[in-house]
Amino acid sequence: MAEFTYQLYGRQDAPSVLLIYLHGFNHNQENNDRLMSQMAPLIPNALIVAPLSDVLCENNPQTRQWYSIDAFDPQNRRRNPQSSVDEIMDIYDTAGEQLAAAALRMNHFISEMQQKYQIDDGHTYLAGFSQGAQLALYTALTRKSVIGGCIMFSGIVAGKNLLEKEMVSHPQILLMHGDKDEKILSKTHEASRHWLLRHGLHLKSIYMPELDHKVVEAELQEAAKMLNLHTR
């Protein structure tokens, strides 16, 4: 039995690429369906697997979360424009143990999907939005074998101190963030970019003009470029 319930999108018959997509905080299957209906046509040789977290969102029992941050930041300082970038990064650092535990489970799930669809690590990609991007990165960097790449939509390097100790892999990273994001504040983009570069990651970063906390077509096109280059 798979580690998580999941939905499939795209090519299920002999796919060349496996993409695992991780939803954001306060999202559910409807959010996945909406976004994957846009993305799947852009990567015709890929199978997209979208697992659903089994943790109910603490703010809404109809949605899901990968980990809890509110207990560490009840005043939402991470979303306060007056908070410094260092303070925001330190707040997200408190999620390290939760992310590490979730990443172990997610790496097991990835291996299950690879075995089921006969796809190797080199043709496996992780993508995520917001909180899902944080987990995608943590999972990719702590996986013992290097995957094809990790795509972060509106994400941030979270759990950085523990991740620094657990990191064993250096896949390609595509980091995208809108310059009007008020949930994971736009000004954290540079801090995440510098952390990734400082730790030797192969990085492409894109700062999207006039974009708030969501995924747009231009970002999906950039993600598709990465995946379509590595079809077999």
Protein backbone atom coordinates (compact mmCIF):
# COMPACT_ATOMS: atom_id res chain seq x y z
CA MET A 1 0.00 0.00 0.00
CA ALA A 2 1.34 3.43 -0.99
CA GLU A 3 2.57 5.82 1.68
CA PHE A 4 0.02 8.47 0.60
CA THR A 5 -3.20 8.54 -1.38
CA TYR A 6 -2.55 10.11 -4.76
CA GLN A 7 -3.97 11.07 -8.13
CA LEU A 8 -2.38 10.45 -11.54
CA TYR A 9 -2.23 12.92 -14.42
CA GLY A 10 -0.65 12.84 -17.85
CA ARG A 11 0.86 9.79 -19.52
CA GLN A 12 0.30 6.52 -17.68
CA ASP A 13 1.37 4.17 -20.48
CA ALA A 14 5.19 3.89 -20.57
CA PRO A 15 6.00 7.44 -19.41
CA SER A 16 9.53 8.77 -19.92
CA VAL A 17 9.51 11.03 -16.88
CA LEU A 18 7.99 10.82 -13.41
CA LEU A 19 6.98 14.08 -11.73
CA ILE A 20 5.89 14.06 -8.10
CA TYR A 21 3.94 17.24 -7.31
CA LEU A 22 3.42 18.35 -3.69
CA HIS A 23 0.51 20.65 -2.91
CA GLY A 24 0.66 23.74 -0.72
CA PHE A 25 -0.64 24.48 2.77
CA ASN A 26 -4.44 24.63 2.99
CA HIS A 27 -4.82 22.86 -0.36
CA ASN A 28 -6.77 19.77 -1.36
CA GLN A 29 -7.44 17.54 -4.35
CA GLU A 30 -9.34 20.28 -6.17
CA ASN A 31 -6.26 22.49 -6.11
CA ASN A 32 -4.19 19.65 -7.54
CA ASP A 33 -6.73 18.92 -10.27
CA ARG A 34 -6.86 22.55 -11.35
CA LEU A 35 -3.10 23.02 -11.60
CA MET A 36 -2.27 19.62 -13.08
CA SER A 37 -4.85 20.10 -15.82
CA GLN A 38 -2.71 23.05 -16.93
CA MET A 39 0.63 21.35 -16.49
CA ALA A 40 0.08 17.86 -17.92
CA PRO A 41 -0.35 19.01 -21.56
CA LEU A 42 3.01 20.81 -21.37
CA ILE A 43 4.91 17.61 -20.53
CA PRO A 44 3.29 14.97 -22.78
CA ASN A 45 5.80 12.21 -21.98
CA ALA A 46 5.52 12.60 -18.22
CA LEU A 47 3.42 10.89 -15.60
CA ILE A 48 2.46 13.29 -12.82
CA VAL A 49 1.75 11.81 -9.40
CA ALA A 50 0.15 14.18 -6.89
CA PRO A 51 0.06 12.72 -3.36
CA LEU A 52 -2.29 14.19 -0.78
CA SER A 53 -0.96 14.78 2.71
CA ASP A 54 -2.67 12.74 5.42
CA VAL A 55 -2.37 15.66 7.88
CA LEU A 56 -5.54 17.77 8.13
CA CYS A 57 -4.95 21.50 7.97
CA GLU A 58 -5.06 23.04 11.43
CA ASN A 59 -7.14 25.93 10.08
CA ASN A 60 -9.51 23.99 7.84
CA PRO A 61 -10.47 20.29 8.15
CA GLN A 62 -11.37 20.23 4.45
CA THR A 63 -7.78 20.84 3.38
CA ARG A 64 -4.31 19.45 4.12
CA GLN A 65 -0.86 20.50 5.27
CA TRP A 66 2.52 18.78 5.24
CA TYR A 67 3.58 20.21 8.58
CA SER A 68 2.49 22.73 11.22
CA ILE A 69 4.18 26.13 11.41
CA ASP A 70 1.50 28.09 13.29
CA ALA A 71 2.58 26.62 16.63
CA PHE A 72 6.02 28.16 16.12
CA ASP A 73 4.74 31.45 14.72
CA PRO A 74 1.28 32.18 16.21
CA GLN A 75 1.59 35.89 15.44
CA ASN A 76 2.37 35.33 11.75
CA ARG A 77 5.66 37.20 11.99
CA ARG A 78 6.82 35.31 8.89
CA ARG A 79 4.25 37.25 6.85
CA ASN A 80 4.89 40.64 8.43
CA PRO A 81 6.68 42.94 5.94
CA GLN A 82 8.46 44.51 8.92
CA SER A 83 10.12 41.20 9.85
CA SER A 84 13.69 40.87 8.66
CA VAL A 85 14.68 38.18 6.17
CA ASP A 86 16.89 36.56 8.81
CA GLU A 87 13.97 36.43 11.26
CA ILE A 88 11.71 34.85 8.64
CA MET A 89 14.31 32.25 7.71
CA ASP A 90 14.77 31.42 11.40
CA ILE A 91 11.02 30.92 11.82
CA TYR A 92 10.94 28.47 8.93
CA ASP A 93 14.01 26.79 10.37
CA THR A 94 11.83 25.56 13.26
CA ALA A 95 10.08 23.23 10.80
CA GLY A 96 13.21 21.14 10.34
CA GLU A 97 12.25 18.06 12.35
CA GLN A 98 8.77 17.93 10.83
CA LEU A 99 10.19 18.30 7.33
CA ALA A 100 12.80 15.62 7.97
CA ALA A 101 10.10 13.16 9.06
CA ALA A 102 7.86 14.03 6.09
CA ALA A 103 10.81 13.75 3.68
CA LEU A 104 11.57 10.22 4.85
CA ARG A 105 8.02 9.21 4.06
CA MET A 106 8.05 11.06 0.75
CA ASN A 107 11.28 9.40 -0.37
CA HIS A 108 9.70 6.02 0.38
CA PHE A 109 6.68 7.06 -1.69
CA ILE A 110 8.93 8.14 -4.58
CA SER A 111 10.64 4.77 -4.58
CA GLU A 112 7.26 3.03 -4.63
CA MET A 113 6.18 5.06 -7.67
CA GLN A 114 9.50 4.48 -9.44
CA GLN A 115 9.21 0.75 -9.00
CA LYS A 116 5.60 0.72 -10.11
CA TYR A 117 6.23 2.70 -13.30
CA GLN A 118 9.81 1.54 -13.96
CA ILE A 119 11.43 4.97 -13.87
CA ASP A 120 14.87 5.67 -12.44
CA ASP A 121 16.08 8.57 -10.32
CA GLY A 122 17.57 10.39 -13.29
CA HIS A 123 14.12 10.68 -14.86
CA THR A 124 12.32 11.52 -11.61
CA TYR A 125 11.47 15.10 -10.65
CA LEU A 126 9.95 16.73 -7.61
CA ALA A 127 7.86 19.89 -7.70
CA GLY A 128 5.88 21.73 -5.08
CA PHE A 129 4.03 24.92 -4.32
CA SER A 130 4.68 26.95 -1.16
CA GLN A 131 4.83 24.48 1.74
CA GLY A 132 4.98 21.70 -0.82
CA ALA A 133 8.03 23.37 -2.37
CA GLN A 134 9.73 23.32 1.02
CA LEU A 135 9.10 19.60 1.38
CA ALA A 136 10.10 18.94 -2.23
CA LEU A 137 13.46 20.59 -1.65
CA TYR A 138 14.08 18.84 1.68
CA THR A 139 13.17 15.50 0.11
CA ALA A 140 15.33 16.00 -2.97
CA LEU A 141 18.41 17.07 -1.01
CA THR A 142 18.16 14.22 1.50
CA ARG A 143 17.49 11.46 -1.04
CA LYS A 144 20.47 9.11 -1.25
CA SER A 145 20.46 9.09 -5.06
CA VAL A 146 20.27 12.20 -7.23
CA ILE A 147 16.95 12.84 -8.97
CA GLY A 148 16.59 14.76 -12.23
CA GLY A 149 15.57 17.99 -10.56
CA CYS A 150 13.45 19.88 -8.05
CA ILE A 151 11.04 22.67 -8.99
CA MET A 152 10.01 25.19 -6.34
CA PHE A 153 6.95 27.39 -6.93
CA SER A 154 6.73 30.20 -4.32
CA GLY A 155 8.93 28.34 -1.87
CA ILE A 156 11.64 29.01 0.69
CA VAL A 157 14.51 27.01 2.16
CA ALA A 158 12.93 25.69 5.37
CA GLY A 159 14.56 23.69 8.15
CA LYS A 160 17.91 24.96 6.88
CA ASN A 161 20.08 24.02 9.86
CA LEU A 162 18.95 20.39 9.99
CA LEU A 163 18.87 20.18 6.20
CA GLU A 164 22.49 21.31 6.10
CA LYS A 165 23.42 18.28 8.21
CA GLU A 166 21.21 15.79 6.36
CA MET A 167 21.88 16.93 2.77
CA VAL A 168 23.50 14.17 0.70
CA SER A 169 22.31 14.97 -2.83
CA HIS A 170 22.80 17.85 -5.29
CA PRO A 171 20.09 17.78 -7.98
CA GLN A 172 19.23 20.64 -10.32
CA ILE A 173 16.96 23.23 -8.71
CA LEU A 174 14.48 25.58 -10.38
CA LEU A 175 13.48 28.29 -7.89
CA MET A 176 10.60 30.60 -8.88
CA HIS A 177 8.98 33.32 -6.78
CA GLY A 178 6.66 36.23 -7.45
CA ASP A 179 7.79 39.73 -6.52
CA LYS A 180 4.39 40.53 -4.98
CA ASP A 181 4.13 37.45 -2.76
CA GLU A 182 2.72 38.38 0.66
CA LYS A 183 2.49 34.85 2.12
CA ILE A 184 6.03 33.64 1.65
CA LEU A 185 7.41 37.13 1.37
CA SER A 186 9.13 37.97 -1.88
CA LYS A 187 12.16 39.39 -0.14
CA THR A 188 13.13 35.89 1.04
CA HIS A 189 13.84 34.80 -2.54
CA GLU A 190 17.41 36.08 -2.49
CA ALA A 191 18.13 34.40 0.86
CA SER A 192 16.94 31.05 -0.50
CA ARG A 193 18.91 31.56 -3.70
CA HIS A 194 22.12 32.36 -1.84
CA TRP A 195 21.68 29.39 0.52
CA LEU A 196 21.28 27.00 -2.40
CA LEU A 197 24.26 28.41 -4.27
CA ARG A 198 26.41 28.40 -1.15
CA HIS A 199 25.70 24.69 -0.75
CA GLY A 200 26.75 23.83 -4.28
CA LEU A 201 23.36 23.34 -5.92
CA HIS A 202 22.92 23.66 -9.67
CA LEU A 203 20.38 26.47 -9.61
CA LYS A 204 18.20 28.45 -11.96
CA SER A 205 16.22 31.15 -10.17
CA ILE A 206 13.45 33.29 -11.64
CA TYR A 207 11.86 36.29 -9.97
CA MET A 208 8.42 36.75 -11.54
CA PRO A 209 7.23 40.36 -11.96
CA GLU A 210 3.82 41.37 -10.58
CA LEU A 211 3.10 37.86 -9.27
CA ASP A 212 1.56 37.10 -5.89
CA HIS A 213 1.31 33.72 -4.12
CA LYS A 214 0.20 31.47 -6.96
CA VAL A 215 1.46 29.52 -9.97
CA VAL A 216 1.08 31.03 -13.44
CA GLU A 217 1.50 29.77 -17.00
CA ALA A 218 4.97 31.27 -17.42
CA GLU A 219 6.23 29.25 -14.45
CA LEU A 220 4.67 26.05 -15.76
CA GLN A 221 6.42 26.66 -19.08
CA GLU A 222 9.76 26.99 -17.29
CA ALA A 223 9.13 23.76 -15.41
CA ALA A 224 8.19 22.01 -18.65
CA LYS A 225 11.50 23.07 -20.23
CA MET A 226 13.39 21.27 -17.49
CA LEU A 227 11.37 18.08 -17.74
CA ASN A 228 11.16 17.94 -21.53
CA LEU A 229 14.94 18.23 -21.83
CA HIS A 230 15.35 14.99 -19.92
CA THR A 231 12.85 12.66 -21.56
CA ARG A 232 14.35 9.37 -22.64
